[in-house]
Every structure is written in C-alpha cells, then in structure tokens.
Amino acid sequence: MVENIGFEVVLCQSEIKINRLPSHEKAKDLFYSFCPLVPHVPENQREIFKEELYQCLLEKFARNDDRTPVHMASVLEIVIRKPE
C-alpha cells in the first residue's frame, strides 16, 4: 500500500510478545490503566468496574501456571523510505 504512494518498504516484521505479569493486583492495575472505557464509568463505580473487568479478563485470556493473566501484544514494525 505504501508503495502506491511512492514509498519503499525497507523492513516489515511482525512479532507476538508475551509478558508474564507478577501478580493479580499488578495485572488488574495494568489492564485497567489502558481500558478506554474508564473515563465513561462514574467515579463512584470505578472500583466495581475494575474488579468486573479483571474477572472478565481471567475468563477470556491466557494465564500463567499460577492463574494470573498473560499480557500478549502483536508488534508490527515497518520501516519505509521515500526514494529521492
């Protein structure tokens, strides 16, 4: 696609990164910190939301042997160059 607008792809690679989280509390804080719904939750209900969010994550995602969730991320690295 970038070639269509005059760029050259120098490097394109994809990688899955798996990060083990040290504890349930750290995992809960991490996932809550980047949840885009938090600003829309009333202040007085955020702790309940945080706990329910974490319980949903525990049900849906991969976990370590100690049952803490694993953070998985797809990293896409693209280096492009505009020919002179």
N, C-alpha and C. Protein backbone atom coordinates (compact mmCIF):
# COMPACT_ATOMS: atom_id res chain seq x y z
N MET A 1 0.81 -1.19 0.00
CA MET A 1 0.00 0.00 0.00
C MET A 1 0.86 1.26 0.00
N VAL A 2 1.91 1.30 0.82
CA VAL A 2 2.76 2.50 0.83
C VAL A 2 3.52 2.64 -0.49
N GLU A 3 3.73 1.52 -1.17
CA GLU A 3 4.39 1.58 -2.47
C GLU A 3 3.53 2.37 -3.47
N ASN A 4 2.23 2.29 -3.31
CA ASN A 4 1.31 3.00 -4.21
C ASN A 4 1.44 4.52 -4.11
N ILE A 5 1.98 5.00 -3.00
CA ILE A 5 2.13 6.45 -2.84
C ILE A 5 3.60 6.88 -2.87
N GLY A 6 4.46 6.01 -3.40
CA GLY A 6 5.84 6.39 -3.67
C GLY A 6 6.88 6.00 -2.63
N PHE A 7 6.51 5.20 -1.64
CA PHE A 7 7.48 4.78 -0.63
C PHE A 7 8.00 3.38 -0.93
N GLU A 8 9.14 3.06 -0.38
CA GLU A 8 9.75 1.74 -0.50
C GLU A 8 9.77 1.11 0.90
N VAL A 9 9.35 -0.14 1.00
CA VAL A 9 9.38 -0.85 2.29
C VAL A 9 10.78 -1.41 2.48
N VAL A 10 11.46 -0.95 3.53
CA VAL A 10 12.81 -1.41 3.85
C VAL A 10 12.74 -2.62 4.77
N LEU A 11 11.82 -2.60 5.72
CA LEU A 11 11.68 -3.68 6.69
C LEU A 11 10.22 -3.79 7.09
N CYS A 12 9.73 -5.01 7.18
CA CYS A 12 8.37 -5.25 7.65
C CYS A 12 8.39 -6.58 8.41
N GLN A 13 8.13 -6.51 9.72
CA GLN A 13 8.11 -7.74 10.50
C GLN A 13 7.05 -7.65 11.59
N SER A 14 6.55 -8.81 11.94
CA SER A 14 5.51 -8.91 12.95
C SER A 14 5.98 -9.89 14.02
N GLU A 15 5.64 -9.59 15.26
CA GLU A 15 6.07 -10.44 16.37
C GLU A 15 5.00 -10.43 17.45
N ILE A 16 4.78 -11.57 18.06
CA ILE A 16 3.87 -11.66 19.21
C ILE A 16 4.74 -11.64 20.46
N LYS A 17 4.46 -10.69 21.35
CA LYS A 17 5.20 -10.61 22.61
C LYS A 17 4.29 -11.07 23.73
N ILE A 18 4.84 -11.89 24.61
CA ILE A 18 4.10 -12.40 25.75
C ILE A 18 4.81 -11.94 27.02
N ASN A 19 4.08 -11.21 27.85
CA ASN A 19 4.65 -10.70 29.09
C ASN A 19 3.95 -11.36 30.28
N ARG A 20 4.75 -12.00 31.11
CA ARG A 20 4.21 -12.58 32.34
C ARG A 20 4.01 -11.45 33.34
N LEU A 21 2.89 -11.44 33.98
CA LEU A 21 2.58 -10.41 34.97
C LEU A 21 2.84 -10.97 36.37
N PRO A 22 3.48 -10.18 37.24
CA PRO A 22 3.96 -10.71 38.52
C PRO A 22 2.88 -11.07 39.54
N SER A 23 1.72 -10.44 39.48
CA SER A 23 0.68 -10.73 40.48
C SER A 23 -0.68 -10.35 39.93
N HIS A 24 -1.71 -10.83 40.60
CA HIS A 24 -3.07 -10.47 40.20
C HIS A 24 -3.29 -8.97 40.32
N GLU A 25 -2.80 -8.36 41.38
CA GLU A 25 -3.01 -6.93 41.60
C GLU A 25 -2.32 -6.10 40.51
N LYS A 26 -1.09 -6.46 40.15
CA LYS A 26 -0.36 -5.74 39.08
C LYS A 26 -1.09 -5.93 37.75
N ALA A 27 -1.57 -7.14 37.50
CA ALA A 27 -2.30 -7.41 36.26
C ALA A 27 -3.58 -6.58 36.19
N LYS A 28 -4.31 -6.55 37.30
CA LYS A 28 -5.56 -5.78 37.35
C LYS A 28 -5.28 -4.30 37.08
N ASP A 29 -4.24 -3.76 37.71
CA ASP A 29 -3.89 -2.35 37.52
C ASP A 29 -3.47 -2.06 36.07
N LEU A 30 -2.70 -2.98 35.49
CA LEU A 30 -2.24 -2.78 34.11
C LEU A 30 -3.41 -2.72 33.13
N PHE A 31 -4.26 -3.71 33.17
CA PHE A 31 -5.37 -3.76 32.22
C PHE A 31 -6.34 -2.60 32.43
N TYR A 32 -6.55 -2.22 33.67
CA TYR A 32 -7.43 -1.08 33.98
C TYR A 32 -6.83 0.21 33.43
N SER A 33 -5.50 0.34 33.49
CA SER A 33 -4.83 1.58 33.09
C SER A 33 -5.01 1.92 31.61
N PHE A 34 -5.16 0.90 30.76
CA PHE A 34 -5.33 1.23 29.34
C PHE A 34 -6.70 0.85 28.78
N CYS A 35 -7.65 0.65 29.66
CA CYS A 35 -9.02 0.38 29.21
C CYS A 35 -9.67 1.70 28.79
N PRO A 36 -10.12 1.81 27.54
CA PRO A 36 -10.69 3.07 27.06
C PRO A 36 -12.06 3.40 27.64
N LEU A 37 -12.66 2.47 28.36
CA LEU A 37 -13.99 2.71 28.92
C LEU A 37 -13.97 3.44 30.26
N VAL A 38 -12.83 3.43 30.94
CA VAL A 38 -12.73 4.00 32.29
C VAL A 38 -13.27 5.43 32.39
N PRO A 39 -12.93 6.35 31.48
CA PRO A 39 -13.45 7.72 31.62
C PRO A 39 -14.98 7.81 31.57
N HIS A 40 -15.62 6.80 31.03
CA HIS A 40 -17.08 6.82 30.89
C HIS A 40 -17.79 6.17 32.07
N VAL A 41 -17.02 5.60 32.99
CA VAL A 41 -17.60 4.97 34.18
C VAL A 41 -17.68 6.01 35.29
N PRO A 42 -18.84 6.14 35.94
CA PRO A 42 -18.94 7.11 37.04
C PRO A 42 -17.90 6.83 38.12
N GLU A 43 -17.35 7.89 38.68
CA GLU A 43 -16.29 7.80 39.70
C GLU A 43 -16.63 6.80 40.80
N ASN A 44 -17.87 6.86 41.28
CA ASN A 44 -18.24 6.02 42.42
C ASN A 44 -18.42 4.55 42.06
N GLN A 45 -18.29 4.19 40.79
CA GLN A 45 -18.43 2.80 40.37
C GLN A 45 -17.15 2.23 39.75
N ARG A 46 -16.09 2.99 39.79
CA ARG A 46 -14.85 2.55 39.12
C ARG A 46 -14.20 1.33 39.76
N GLU A 47 -14.23 1.22 41.07
CA GLU A 47 -13.63 0.04 41.72
C GLU A 47 -14.41 -1.22 41.35
N ILE A 48 -15.72 -1.12 41.30
CA ILE A 48 -16.55 -2.26 40.89
C ILE A 48 -16.23 -2.62 39.44
N PHE A 49 -16.15 -1.60 38.59
CA PHE A 49 -15.82 -1.82 37.18
C PHE A 49 -14.45 -2.49 37.04
N LYS A 50 -13.48 -2.00 37.81
CA LYS A 50 -12.12 -2.55 37.75
C LYS A 50 -12.13 -4.04 38.09
N GLU A 51 -12.86 -4.41 39.12
CA GLU A 51 -12.93 -5.82 39.53
C GLU A 51 -13.65 -6.66 38.48
N GLU A 52 -14.76 -6.16 37.95
CA GLU A 52 -15.50 -6.91 36.94
C GLU A 52 -14.72 -7.04 35.63
N LEU A 53 -14.01 -5.99 35.26
CA LEU A 53 -13.14 -6.04 34.08
C LEU A 53 -12.10 -7.15 34.25
N TYR A 54 -11.49 -7.19 35.41
CA TYR A 54 -10.45 -8.18 35.67
C TYR A 54 -11.03 -9.60 35.64
N GLN A 55 -12.20 -9.79 36.21
CA GLN A 55 -12.82 -11.11 36.21
C GLN A 55 -13.12 -11.57 34.77
N CYS A 56 -13.56 -10.65 33.93
CA CYS A 56 -13.79 -10.98 32.51
C CYS A 56 -12.49 -11.38 31.82
N LEU A 57 -11.42 -10.65 32.11
CA LEU A 57 -10.12 -10.98 31.52
C LEU A 57 -9.66 -12.36 31.96
N LEU A 58 -9.88 -12.69 33.22
CA LEU A 58 -9.48 -14.01 33.71
C LEU A 58 -10.23 -15.12 32.98
N GLU A 59 -11.48 -14.87 32.63
CA GLU A 59 -12.28 -15.87 31.92
C GLU A 59 -11.87 -16.03 30.47
N LYS A 60 -11.44 -14.94 29.83
CA LYS A 60 -11.26 -14.93 28.38
C LYS A 60 -9.83 -15.14 27.88
N PHE A 61 -8.83 -14.79 28.68
CA PHE A 61 -7.47 -14.74 28.15
C PHE A 61 -6.55 -15.80 28.75
N ALA A 62 -5.39 -15.96 28.11
CA ALA A 62 -4.38 -16.92 28.54
C ALA A 62 -3.87 -16.57 29.93
N ARG A 63 -3.46 -17.62 30.66
CA ARG A 63 -2.97 -17.39 32.01
C ARG A 63 -1.72 -18.23 32.28
N ASN A 64 -0.95 -17.77 33.27
CA ASN A 64 0.23 -18.49 33.74
C ASN A 64 -0.20 -19.70 34.57
N ASP A 65 0.79 -20.47 35.00
CA ASP A 65 0.52 -21.61 35.87
C ASP A 65 -0.15 -21.19 37.17
N ASP A 66 0.18 -19.99 37.67
CA ASP A 66 -0.42 -19.51 38.91
C ASP A 66 -1.76 -18.81 38.66
N ARG A 67 -2.27 -18.92 37.45
CA ARG A 67 -3.57 -18.41 37.04
C ARG A 67 -3.64 -16.89 36.84
N THR A 68 -2.49 -16.17 36.95
CA THR A 68 -2.50 -14.75 36.62
C THR A 68 -2.55 -14.62 35.10
N PRO A 69 -3.21 -13.58 34.59
CA PRO A 69 -3.30 -13.43 33.14
C PRO A 69 -1.95 -13.08 32.52
N VAL A 70 -1.83 -13.40 31.25
CA VAL A 70 -0.63 -13.10 30.48
C VAL A 70 -0.97 -11.96 29.52
N HIS A 71 -0.11 -10.95 29.48
CA HIS A 71 -0.32 -9.85 28.53
C HIS A 71 0.32 -10.24 27.21
N MET A 72 -0.48 -10.29 26.15
CA MET A 72 0.03 -10.63 24.83
C MET A 72 -0.19 -9.43 23.91
N ALA A 73 0.82 -9.13 23.11
CA ALA A 73 0.73 -7.99 22.20
C ALA A 73 1.31 -8.37 20.84
N SER A 74 0.66 -7.91 19.80
CA SER A 74 1.20 -8.06 18.45
C SER A 74 1.95 -6.79 18.13
N VAL A 75 3.22 -6.94 17.78
CA VAL A 75 4.05 -5.79 17.45
C VAL A 75 4.34 -5.84 15.95
N LEU A 76 4.00 -4.78 15.27
CA LEU A 76 4.26 -4.68 13.84
C LEU A 76 5.27 -3.57 13.63
N GLU A 77 6.39 -3.91 13.03
CA GLU A 77 7.45 -2.93 12.77
C GLU A 77 7.58 -2.75 11.26
N ILE A 78 7.44 -1.51 10.83
CA ILE A 78 7.56 -1.19 9.41
C ILE A 78 8.50 0.00 9.25
N VAL A 79 9.51 -0.18 8.43
CA VAL A 79 10.43 0.91 8.10
C VAL A 79 10.26 1.18 6.61
N ILE A 80 9.95 2.44 6.29
CA ILE A 80 9.77 2.80 4.89
C ILE A 80 10.70 3.95 4.53
N ARG A 81 10.96 4.06 3.24
CA ARG A 81 11.85 5.13 2.75
C ARG A 81 11.21 5.76 1.53
N LYS A 82 11.33 7.06 1.46
CA LYS A 82 10.86 7.80 0.29
C LYS A 82 12.05 7.95 -0.66
N PRO A 83 12.01 7.29 -1.82
CA PRO A 83 13.13 7.41 -2.76
C PRO A 83 13.30 8.87 -3.21
N GLU A 84 14.55 9.22 -3.45
CA GLU A 84 14.84 10.61 -3.87
C GLU A 84 14.62 10.79 -5.35
